[in-house]
Amino acid sequence: MRRPVVSWMTKSDDAILELLAEAGIAIPPTAIAFNIENVSRPTVDRRLPNLEAVGLVKRFDEPQGYTEITEKGKLYLAGDLDEDDLPEP
């Protein structure tokens, strides 16, 4: 199944989710940006709140900023969600 096309999402969002899924652990924004070509730390910082708002990632206060993909995020990557499951944050 194909991933839904969601108007508010960017290519960076997919790259962030794919990296988090591959990592399988919570990682900080600096490591996310470091490991994705052409995605800057400011872009990661801008995109993570949106991904969290719709439940695709979970962010932790301690350690600060660490982020992991959620089950919903994994469903999105697998193409098992509809556009309606991802309202604009």
PDB file of N, CA and C in Angstrom:
ATOM      1  N   MET A   1       0.840  -1.188   0.000  1.00  0.00           N
ATOM      2  CA  MET A   1       0.000   0.000   0.000  1.00  0.00           C
ATOM      3  C   MET A   1       0.881   1.246   0.000  1.00  0.00           C
ATOM      4  N   ARG A   2       0.429   2.294  -0.670  1.00  0.00           N
ATOM      5  CA  ARG A   2       1.163   3.557  -0.723  1.00  0.00           C
ATOM      6  C   ARG A   2       0.884   4.419   0.491  1.00  0.00           C
ATOM      7  N   ARG A   3       1.886   5.213   0.854  1.00  0.00           N
ATOM      8  CA  ARG A   3       1.691   6.193   1.927  1.00  0.00           C
ATOM      9  C   ARG A   3       0.704   7.242   1.450  1.00  0.00           C
ATOM     10  N   PRO A   4      -0.132   7.744   2.360  1.00  0.00           N
ATOM     11  CA  PRO A   4      -1.068   8.793   1.955  1.00  0.00           C
ATOM     12  C   PRO A   4      -0.321  10.086   1.619  1.00  0.00           C
ATOM     13  N   VAL A   5      -0.857  10.830   0.682  1.00  0.00           N
ATOM     14  CA  VAL A   5      -0.313  12.145   0.367  1.00  0.00           C
ATOM     15  C   VAL A   5      -1.060  13.145   1.242  1.00  0.00           C
ATOM     16  N   VAL A   6      -0.328  13.791   2.120  1.00  0.00           N
ATOM     17  CA  VAL A   6      -0.913  14.708   3.088  1.00  0.00           C
ATOM     18  C   VAL A   6      -0.352  16.098   2.809  1.00  0.00           C
ATOM     19  N   SER A   7      -1.234  17.067   2.585  1.00  0.00           N
ATOM     20  CA  SER A   7      -0.818  18.389   2.113  1.00  0.00           C
ATOM     21  C   SER A   7       0.166  19.092   3.041  1.00  0.00           C
ATOM     22  N   TRP A   8       0.065  18.908   4.333  1.00  0.00           N
ATOM     23  CA  TRP A   8       0.926  19.635   5.260  1.00  0.00           C
ATOM     24  C   TRP A   8       2.281  18.956   5.477  1.00  0.00           C
ATOM     25  N   MET A   9       2.424  17.719   5.030  1.00  0.00           N
ATOM     26  CA  MET A   9       3.683  17.006   5.240  1.00  0.00           C
ATOM     27  C   MET A   9       4.693  17.333   4.144  1.00  0.00           C
ATOM     28  N   THR A  10       5.976  17.210   4.498  1.00  0.00           N
ATOM     29  CA  THR A  10       7.061  17.488   3.559  1.00  0.00           C
ATOM     30  C   THR A  10       7.910  16.234   3.350  1.00  0.00           C
ATOM     31  N   LYS A  11       8.817  16.297   2.376  1.00  0.00           N
ATOM     32  CA  LYS A  11       9.749  15.191   2.164  1.00  0.00           C
ATOM     33  C   LYS A  11      10.624  14.977   3.394  1.00  0.00           C
ATOM     34  N   SER A  12      10.912  16.055   4.098  1.00  0.00           N
ATOM     35  CA  SER A  12      11.707  15.942   5.323  1.00  0.00           C
ATOM     36  C   SER A  12      10.996  15.087   6.357  1.00  0.00           C
ATOM     37  N   ASP A  13       9.666  15.197   6.426  1.00  0.00           N
ATOM     38  CA  ASP A  13       8.905  14.403   7.395  1.00  0.00           C
ATOM     39  C   ASP A  13       9.104  12.916   7.138  1.00  0.00           C
ATOM     40  N   ASP A  14       9.006  12.511   5.881  1.00  0.00           N
ATOM     41  CA  ASP A  14       9.219  11.104   5.544  1.00  0.00           C
ATOM     42  C   ASP A  14      10.631  10.669   5.913  1.00  0.00           C
ATOM     43  N   ALA A  15      11.614  11.513   5.602  1.00  0.00           N
ATOM     44  CA  ALA A  15      13.001  11.174   5.904  1.00  0.00           C
ATOM     45  C   ALA A  15      13.214  11.030   7.415  1.00  0.00           C
ATOM     46  N   ILE A  16      12.618  11.920   8.192  1.00  0.00           N
ATOM     47  CA  ILE A  16      12.731  11.853   9.656  1.00  0.00           C
ATOM     48  C   ILE A  16      12.102  10.563  10.164  1.00  0.00           C
ATOM     49  N   LEU A  17      10.910  10.253   9.708  1.00  0.00           N
ATOM     50  CA  LEU A  17      10.221   9.032  10.155  1.00  0.00           C
ATOM     51  C   LEU A  17      10.985   7.783   9.741  1.00  0.00           C
ATOM     52  N   GLU A  18      11.514   7.770   8.535  1.00  0.00           N
ATOM     53  CA  GLU A  18      12.280   6.606   8.072  1.00  0.00           C
ATOM     54  C   GLU A  18      13.526   6.397   8.924  1.00  0.00           C
ATOM     55  N   LEU A  19      14.231   7.473   9.250  1.00  0.00           N
ATOM     56  CA  LEU A  19      15.420   7.359  10.092  1.00  0.00           C
ATOM     57  C   LEU A  19      15.061   6.830  11.475  1.00  0.00           C
ATOM     58  N   LEU A  20      13.998   7.377  12.070  1.00  0.00           N
ATOM     59  CA  LEU A  20      13.590   6.922  13.398  1.00  0.00           C
ATOM     60  C   LEU A  20      13.185   5.453  13.379  1.00  0.00           C
ATOM     61  N   ALA A  21      12.517   5.025  12.319  1.00  0.00           N
ATOM     62  CA  ALA A  21      12.120   3.619  12.207  1.00  0.00           C
ATOM     63  C   ALA A  21      13.351   2.728  12.073  1.00  0.00           C
ATOM     64  N   GLU A  22      14.314   3.153  11.266  1.00  0.00           N
ATOM     65  CA  GLU A  22      15.548   2.384  11.100  1.00  0.00           C
ATOM     66  C   GLU A  22      16.333   2.304  12.399  1.00  0.00           C
ATOM     67  N   ALA A  23      16.390   3.415  13.129  1.00  0.00           N
ATOM     68  CA  ALA A  23      17.152   3.457  14.374  1.00  0.00           C
ATOM     69  C   ALA A  23      16.530   2.547  15.430  1.00  0.00           C
ATOM     70  N   GLY A  24      15.216   2.556  15.508  1.00  0.00           N
ATOM     71  CA  GLY A  24      14.537   1.717  16.489  1.00  0.00           C
ATOM     72  C   GLY A  24      14.703   2.172  17.926  1.00  0.00           C
ATOM     73  N   ILE A  25      15.269   3.359  18.110  1.00  0.00           N
ATOM     74  CA  ILE A  25      15.470   3.925  19.439  1.00  0.00           C
ATOM     75  C   ILE A  25      15.149   5.415  19.392  1.00  0.00           C
ATOM     76  N   ALA A  26      15.015   6.027  20.572  1.00  0.00           N
ATOM     77  CA  ALA A  26      14.827   7.472  20.644  1.00  0.00           C
ATOM     78  C   ALA A  26      16.186   8.146  20.428  1.00  0.00           C
ATOM     79  N   ILE A  27      16.197   9.168  19.570  1.00  0.00           N
ATOM     80  CA  ILE A  27      17.437   9.896  19.304  1.00  0.00           C
ATOM     81  C   ILE A  27      17.162  11.402  19.321  1.00  0.00           C
ATOM     82  N   PRO A  28      18.205  12.198  19.583  1.00  0.00           N
ATOM     83  CA  PRO A  28      18.022  13.651  19.670  1.00  0.00           C
ATOM     84  C   PRO A  28      17.944  14.292  18.283  1.00  0.00           C
ATOM     85  N   PRO A  29      17.371  15.498  18.208  1.00  0.00           N
ATOM     86  CA  PRO A  29      17.248  16.196  16.934  1.00  0.00           C
ATOM     87  C   PRO A  29      18.576  16.397  16.217  1.00  0.00           C
ATOM     88  N   THR A  30      19.642  16.635  16.960  1.00  0.00           N
ATOM     89  CA  THR A  30      20.950  16.818  16.339  1.00  0.00           C
ATOM     90  C   THR A  30      21.359  15.566  15.570  1.00  0.00           C
ATOM     91  N   ALA A  31      21.130  14.401  16.152  1.00  0.00           N
ATOM     92  CA  ALA A  31      21.479  13.141  15.489  1.00  0.00           C
ATOM     93  C   ALA A  31      20.572  12.887  14.283  1.00  0.00           C
ATOM     94  N   ILE A  32      19.319  13.292  14.385  1.00  0.00           N
ATOM     95  CA  ILE A  32      18.403  13.139  13.252  1.00  0.00           C
ATOM     96  C   ILE A  32      18.926  13.949  12.076  1.00  0.00           C
ATOM     97  N   ALA A  33      19.224  15.227  12.307  1.00  0.00           N
ATOM     98  CA  ALA A  33      19.714  16.096  11.241  1.00  0.00           C
ATOM     99  C   ALA A  33      21.054  15.614  10.699  1.00  0.00           C
ATOM    100  N   PHE A  34      21.930  15.157  11.561  1.00  0.00           N
ATOM    101  CA  PHE A  34      23.249  14.690  11.145  1.00  0.00           C
ATOM    102  C   PHE A  34      23.150  13.502  10.187  1.00  0.00           C
ATOM    103  N   ASN A  35      22.152  12.666  10.391  1.00  0.00           N
ATOM    104  CA  ASN A  35      22.037  11.427   9.632  1.00  0.00           C
ATOM    105  C   ASN A  35      21.117  11.492   8.415  1.00  0.00           C
ATOM    106  N   ILE A  36      20.560  12.660   8.130  1.00  0.00           N
ATOM    107  CA  ILE A  36      19.704  12.815   6.947  1.00  0.00           C
ATOM    108  C   ILE A  36      20.314  13.885   6.050  1.00  0.00           C
ATOM    109  N   GLU A  37      20.692  13.476   4.851  1.00  0.00           N
ATOM    110  CA  GLU A  37      21.297  14.404   3.913  1.00  0.00           C
ATOM    111  C   GLU A  37      20.294  15.488   3.514  1.00  0.00           C
ATOM    112  N   ASN A  38      20.750  16.720   3.494  1.00  0.00           N
ATOM    113  CA  ASN A  38      19.964  17.886   3.076  1.00  0.00           C
ATOM    114  C   ASN A  38      18.799  18.217   3.992  1.00  0.00           C
ATOM    115  N   VAL A  39      18.848  17.776   5.233  1.00  0.00           N
ATOM    116  CA  VAL A  39      17.846  18.175   6.231  1.00  0.00           C
ATOM    117  C   VAL A  39      18.611  18.794   7.397  1.00  0.00           C
ATOM    118  N   SER A  40      18.372  20.082   7.632  1.00  0.00           N
ATOM    119  CA  SER A  40      19.109  20.813   8.663  1.00  0.00           C
ATOM    120  C   SER A  40      18.481  20.648  10.040  1.00  0.00           C
ATOM    121  N   ARG A  41      19.241  21.012  11.044  1.00  0.00           N
ATOM    122  CA  ARG A  41      18.729  20.969  12.417  1.00  0.00           C
ATOM    123  C   ARG A  41      17.515  21.890  12.564  1.00  0.00           C
ATOM    124  N   PRO A  42      17.527  23.123  12.028  1.00  0.00           N
ATOM    125  CA  PRO A  42      16.318  23.949  12.137  1.00  0.00           C
ATOM    126  C   PRO A  42      15.094  23.306  11.478  1.00  0.00           C
ATOM    127  N   THR A  43      15.299  22.606  10.374  1.00  0.00           N
ATOM    128  CA  THR A  43      14.176  21.917   9.730  1.00  0.00           C
ATOM    129  C   THR A  43      13.638  20.821  10.637  1.00  0.00           C
ATOM    130  N   VAL A  44      14.520  20.045  11.228  1.00  0.00           N
ATOM    131  CA  VAL A  44      14.092  18.992  12.158  1.00  0.00           C
ATOM    132  C   VAL A  44      13.326  19.616  13.316  1.00  0.00           C
ATOM    133  N   ASP A  45      13.858  20.698  13.875  1.00  0.00           N
ATOM    134  CA  ASP A  45      13.193  21.369  14.998  1.00  0.00           C
ATOM    135  C   ASP A  45      11.811  21.895  14.616  1.00  0.00           C
ATOM    136  N   ARG A  46      11.645  22.333  13.367  1.00  0.00           N
ATOM    137  CA  ARG A  46      10.350  22.836  12.893  1.00  0.00           C
ATOM    138  C   ARG A  46       9.360  21.703  12.641  1.00  0.00           C
ATOM    139  N   ARG A  47       9.830  20.570  12.144  1.00  0.00           N
ATOM    140  CA  ARG A  47       8.938  19.486  11.712  1.00  0.00           C
ATOM    141  C   ARG A  47       8.507  18.578  12.861  1.00  0.00           C
ATOM    142  N   LEU A  48       9.362  18.347  13.843  1.00  0.00           N
ATOM    143  CA  LEU A  48       9.020  17.403  14.914  1.00  0.00           C
ATOM    144  C   LEU A  48       7.739  17.758  15.673  1.00  0.00           C
ATOM    145  N   PRO A  49       7.480  19.028  16.004  1.00  0.00           N
ATOM    146  CA  PRO A  49       6.220  19.333  16.697  1.00  0.00           C
ATOM    147  C   PRO A  49       4.983  18.943  15.886  1.00  0.00           C
ATOM    148  N   ASN A  50       5.034  19.111  14.572  1.00  0.00           N
ATOM    149  CA  ASN A  50       3.900  18.711  13.725  1.00  0.00           C
ATOM    150  C   ASN A  50       3.717  17.196  13.737  1.00  0.00           C
ATOM    151  N   LEU A  51       4.819  16.481  13.617  1.00  0.00           N
ATOM    152  CA  LEU A  51       4.741  15.019  13.623  1.00  0.00           C
ATOM    153  C   LEU A  51       4.243  14.504  14.969  1.00  0.00           C
ATOM    154  N   GLU A  52       4.645  15.176  16.035  1.00  0.00           N
ATOM    155  CA  GLU A  52       4.176  14.791  17.367  1.00  0.00           C
ATOM    156  C   GLU A  52       2.686  15.100  17.534  1.00  0.00           C
ATOM    157  N   ALA A  53       2.244  16.247  17.015  1.00  0.00           N
ATOM    158  CA  ALA A  53       0.850  16.671  17.169  1.00  0.00           C
ATOM    159  C   ALA A  53      -0.133  15.668  16.573  1.00  0.00           C
ATOM    160  N   VAL A  54       0.273  14.973  15.524  1.00  0.00           N
ATOM    161  CA  VAL A  54      -0.618  13.994  14.897  1.00  0.00           C
ATOM    162  C   VAL A  54      -0.301  12.559  15.327  1.00  0.00           C
ATOM    163  N   GLY A  55       0.640  12.417  16.272  1.00  0.00           N
ATOM    164  CA  GLY A  55       0.899  11.109  16.854  1.00  0.00           C
ATOM    165  C   GLY A  55       1.854  10.203  16.099  1.00  0.00           C
ATOM    166  N   LEU A  56       2.643  10.775  15.178  1.00  0.00           N
ATOM    167  CA  LEU A  56       3.581   9.951  14.421  1.00  0.00           C
ATOM    168  C   LEU A  56       4.894   9.732  15.163  1.00  0.00           C
ATOM    169  N   VAL A  57       5.240  10.659  16.056  1.00  0.00           N
ATOM    170  CA  VAL A  57       6.426  10.516  16.889  1.00  0.00           C
ATOM    171  C   VAL A  57       6.071  10.867  18.327  1.00  0.00           C
ATOM    172  N   LYS A  58       6.936  10.412  19.232  1.00  0.00           N
ATOM    173  CA  LYS A  58       6.808  10.761  20.639  1.00  0.00           C
ATOM    174  C   LYS A  58       8.103  11.446  21.041  1.00  0.00           C
ATOM    175  N   ARG A  59       7.964  12.620  21.657  1.00  0.00           N
ATOM    176  CA  ARG A  59       9.136  13.361  22.124  1.00  0.00           C
ATOM    177  C   ARG A  59       9.198  13.289  23.637  1.00  0.00           C
ATOM    178  N   PHE A  60      10.411  13.264  24.147  1.00  0.00           N
ATOM    179  CA  PHE A  60      10.648  13.137  25.576  1.00  0.00           C
ATOM    180  C   PHE A  60      11.237  14.423  26.144  1.00  0.00           C
ATOM    181  N   ASP A  61      10.787  14.793  27.348  1.00  0.00           N
ATOM    182  CA  ASP A  61      11.361  15.952  28.034  1.00  0.00           C
ATOM    183  C   ASP A  61      12.734  15.603  28.609  1.00  0.00           C
ATOM    184  N   GLU A  62      12.867  14.376  29.102  1.00  0.00           N
ATOM    185  CA  GLU A  62      14.134  13.905  29.665  1.00  0.00           C
ATOM    186  C   GLU A  62      14.473  12.571  29.052  1.00  0.00           C
ATOM    187  N   PRO A  63      15.572  12.385  28.398  1.00  0.00           N
ATOM    188  CA  PRO A  63      16.511  13.442  28.043  1.00  0.00           C
ATOM    189  C   PRO A  63      15.892  14.377  27.004  1.00  0.00           C
ATOM    190  N   GLN A  64      16.212  15.629  27.124  1.00  0.00           N
ATOM    191  CA  GLN A  64      15.556  16.692  26.368  1.00  0.00           C
ATOM    192  C   GLN A  64      15.614  16.478  24.861  1.00  0.00           C
ATOM    193  N   GLY A  65      14.432  16.495  24.259  1.00  0.00           N
ATOM    194  CA  GLY A  65      14.333  16.474  22.820  1.00  0.00           C
ATOM    195  C   GLY A  65      14.435  15.123  22.149  1.00  0.00           C
ATOM    196  N   TYR A  66      14.772  14.080  22.888  1.00  0.00           N
ATOM    197  CA  TYR A  66      14.862  12.766  22.260  1.00  0.00           C
ATOM    198  C   TYR A  66      13.505  12.390  21.689  1.00  0.00           C
ATOM    199  N   THR A  67      13.523  11.765  20.536  1.00  0.00           N
ATOM    200  CA  THR A  67      12.300  11.463  19.793  1.00  0.00           C
ATOM    201  C   THR A  67      12.350  10.037  19.289  1.00  0.00           C
ATOM    202  N   GLU A  68      11.190   9.370  19.324  1.00  0.00           N
ATOM    203  CA  GLU A  68      11.084   8.033  18.733  1.00  0.00           C
ATOM    204  C   GLU A  68       9.812   7.960  17.904  1.00  0.00           C
ATOM    205  N   ILE A  69       9.808   7.054  16.949  1.00  0.00           N
ATOM    206  CA  ILE A  69       8.626   6.853  16.119  1.00  0.00           C
ATOM    207  C   ILE A  69       7.590   6.068  16.924  1.00  0.00           C
ATOM    208  N   THR A  70       6.317   6.354  16.695  1.00  0.00           N
ATOM    209  CA  THR A  70       5.229   5.638  17.364  1.00  0.00           C
ATOM    210  C   THR A  70       4.707   4.520  16.455  1.00  0.00           C
ATOM    211  N   GLU A  71       3.813   3.731  16.991  1.00  0.00           N
ATOM    212  CA  GLU A  71       3.172   2.696  16.169  1.00  0.00           C
ATOM    213  C   GLU A  71       2.412   3.335  15.011  1.00  0.00           C
ATOM    214  N   LYS A  72       1.766   4.467  15.278  1.00  0.00           N
ATOM    215  CA  LYS A  72       1.057   5.182  14.216  1.00  0.00           C
ATOM    216  C   LYS A  72       2.036   5.633  13.137  1.00  0.00           C
ATOM    217  N   GLY A  73       3.216   6.068  13.537  1.00  0.00           N
ATOM    218  CA  GLY A  73       4.243   6.453  12.582  1.00  0.00           C
ATOM    219  C   GLY A  73       4.675   5.283  11.715  1.00  0.00           C
ATOM    220  N   LYS A  74       4.789   4.130  12.331  1.00  0.00           N
ATOM    221  CA  LYS A  74       5.153   2.923  11.579  1.00  0.00           C
ATOM    222  C   LYS A  74       4.034   2.537  10.610  1.00  0.00           C
ATOM    223  N   LEU A  75       2.794   2.703  11.038  1.00  0.00           N
ATOM    224  CA  LEU A  75       1.669   2.430  10.141  1.00  0.00           C
ATOM    225  C   LEU A  75       1.688   3.376   8.945  1.00  0.00           C
ATOM    226  N   TYR A  76       2.006   4.642   9.189  1.00  0.00           N
ATOM    227  CA  TYR A  76       2.110   5.607   8.092  1.00  0.00           C
ATOM    228  C   TYR A  76       3.167   5.153   7.088  1.00  0.00           C
ATOM    229  N   LEU A  77       4.354   4.799   7.588  1.00  0.00           N
ATOM    230  CA  LEU A  77       5.431   4.377   6.692  1.00  0.00           C
ATOM    231  C   LEU A  77       5.040   3.138   5.883  1.00  0.00           C
ATOM    232  N   ALA A  78       4.272   2.261   6.492  1.00  0.00           N
ATOM    233  CA  ALA A  78       3.840   1.045   5.803  1.00  0.00           C
ATOM    234  C   ALA A  78       2.711   1.306   4.819  1.00  0.00           C
ATOM    235  N   GLY A  79       2.142   2.524   4.848  1.00  0.00           N
ATOM    236  CA  GLY A  79       1.025   2.852   3.960  1.00  0.00           C
ATOM    237  C   GLY A  79      -0.303   2.352   4.494  1.00  0.00           C
ATOM    238  N   ASP A  80      -0.361   2.100   5.792  1.00  0.00           N
ATOM    239  CA  ASP A  80      -1.576   1.556   6.394  1.00  0.00           C
ATOM    240  C   ASP A  80      -2.460   2.607   7.061  1.00  0.00           C
ATOM    241  N   LEU A  81      -2.251   3.886   6.732  1.00  0.00           N
ATOM    242  CA  LEU A  81      -3.105   4.966   7.228  1.00  0.00           C
ATOM    243  C   LEU A  81      -3.717   5.681   6.032  1.00  0.00           C
ATOM    244  N   ASP A  82      -4.853   6.320   6.270  1.00  0.00           N
ATOM    245  CA  ASP A  82      -5.494   7.160   5.262  1.00  0.00           C
ATOM    246  C   ASP A  82      -5.146   8.616   5.539  1.00  0.00           C
ATOM    247  N   GLU A  83      -5.343   9.458   4.553  1.00  0.00           N
ATOM    248  CA  GLU A  83      -5.113  10.885   4.728  1.00  0.00           C
ATOM    249  C   GLU A  83      -5.937  11.428   5.898  1.00  0.00           C
ATOM    250  N   ASP A  84      -7.146  10.891   6.077  1.00  0.00           N
ATOM    251  CA  ASP A  84      -8.029  11.340   7.165  1.00  0.00           C
ATOM    252  C   ASP A  84      -7.454  11.045   8.543  1.00  0.00           C
ATOM    253  N   ASP A  85      -6.531  10.093   8.633  1.00  0.00           N
ATOM    254  CA  ASP A  85      -5.894   9.751   9.910  1.00  0.00           C
ATOM    255  C   ASP A  85      -4.831  10.760  10.295  1.00  0.00           C
ATOM    256  N   LEU A  86      -4.518  11.696   9.388  1.00  0.00           N
ATOM    257  CA  LEU A  86      -3.448  12.661   9.617  1.00  0.00           C
ATOM    258  C   LEU A  86      -3.929  14.082   9.371  1.00  0.00           C
ATOM    259  N   PRO A  87      -4.816  14.583  10.253  1.00  0.00           N
ATOM    260  CA  PRO A  87      -5.337  15.949  10.074  1.00  0.00           C
ATOM    261  C   PRO A  87      -4.202  16.958  10.256  1.00  0.00           C
ATOM    262  N   GLU A  88      -4.379  18.137   9.711  1.00  0.00           N
ATOM    263  CA  GLU A  88      -3.368  19.172   9.861  1.00  0.00           C
ATOM    264  C   GLU A  88      -3.167  19.482  11.335  1.00  0.00           C
ATOM    265  N   PRO A  89      -1.896  19.539  11.763  1.00  0.00           N
ATOM    266  CA  PRO A  89      -1.627  19.803  13.197  1.00  0.00           C
ATOM    267  C   PRO A  89      -2.020  21.208  13.616  1.00  0.00           C
TER     268      PRO A  89
END
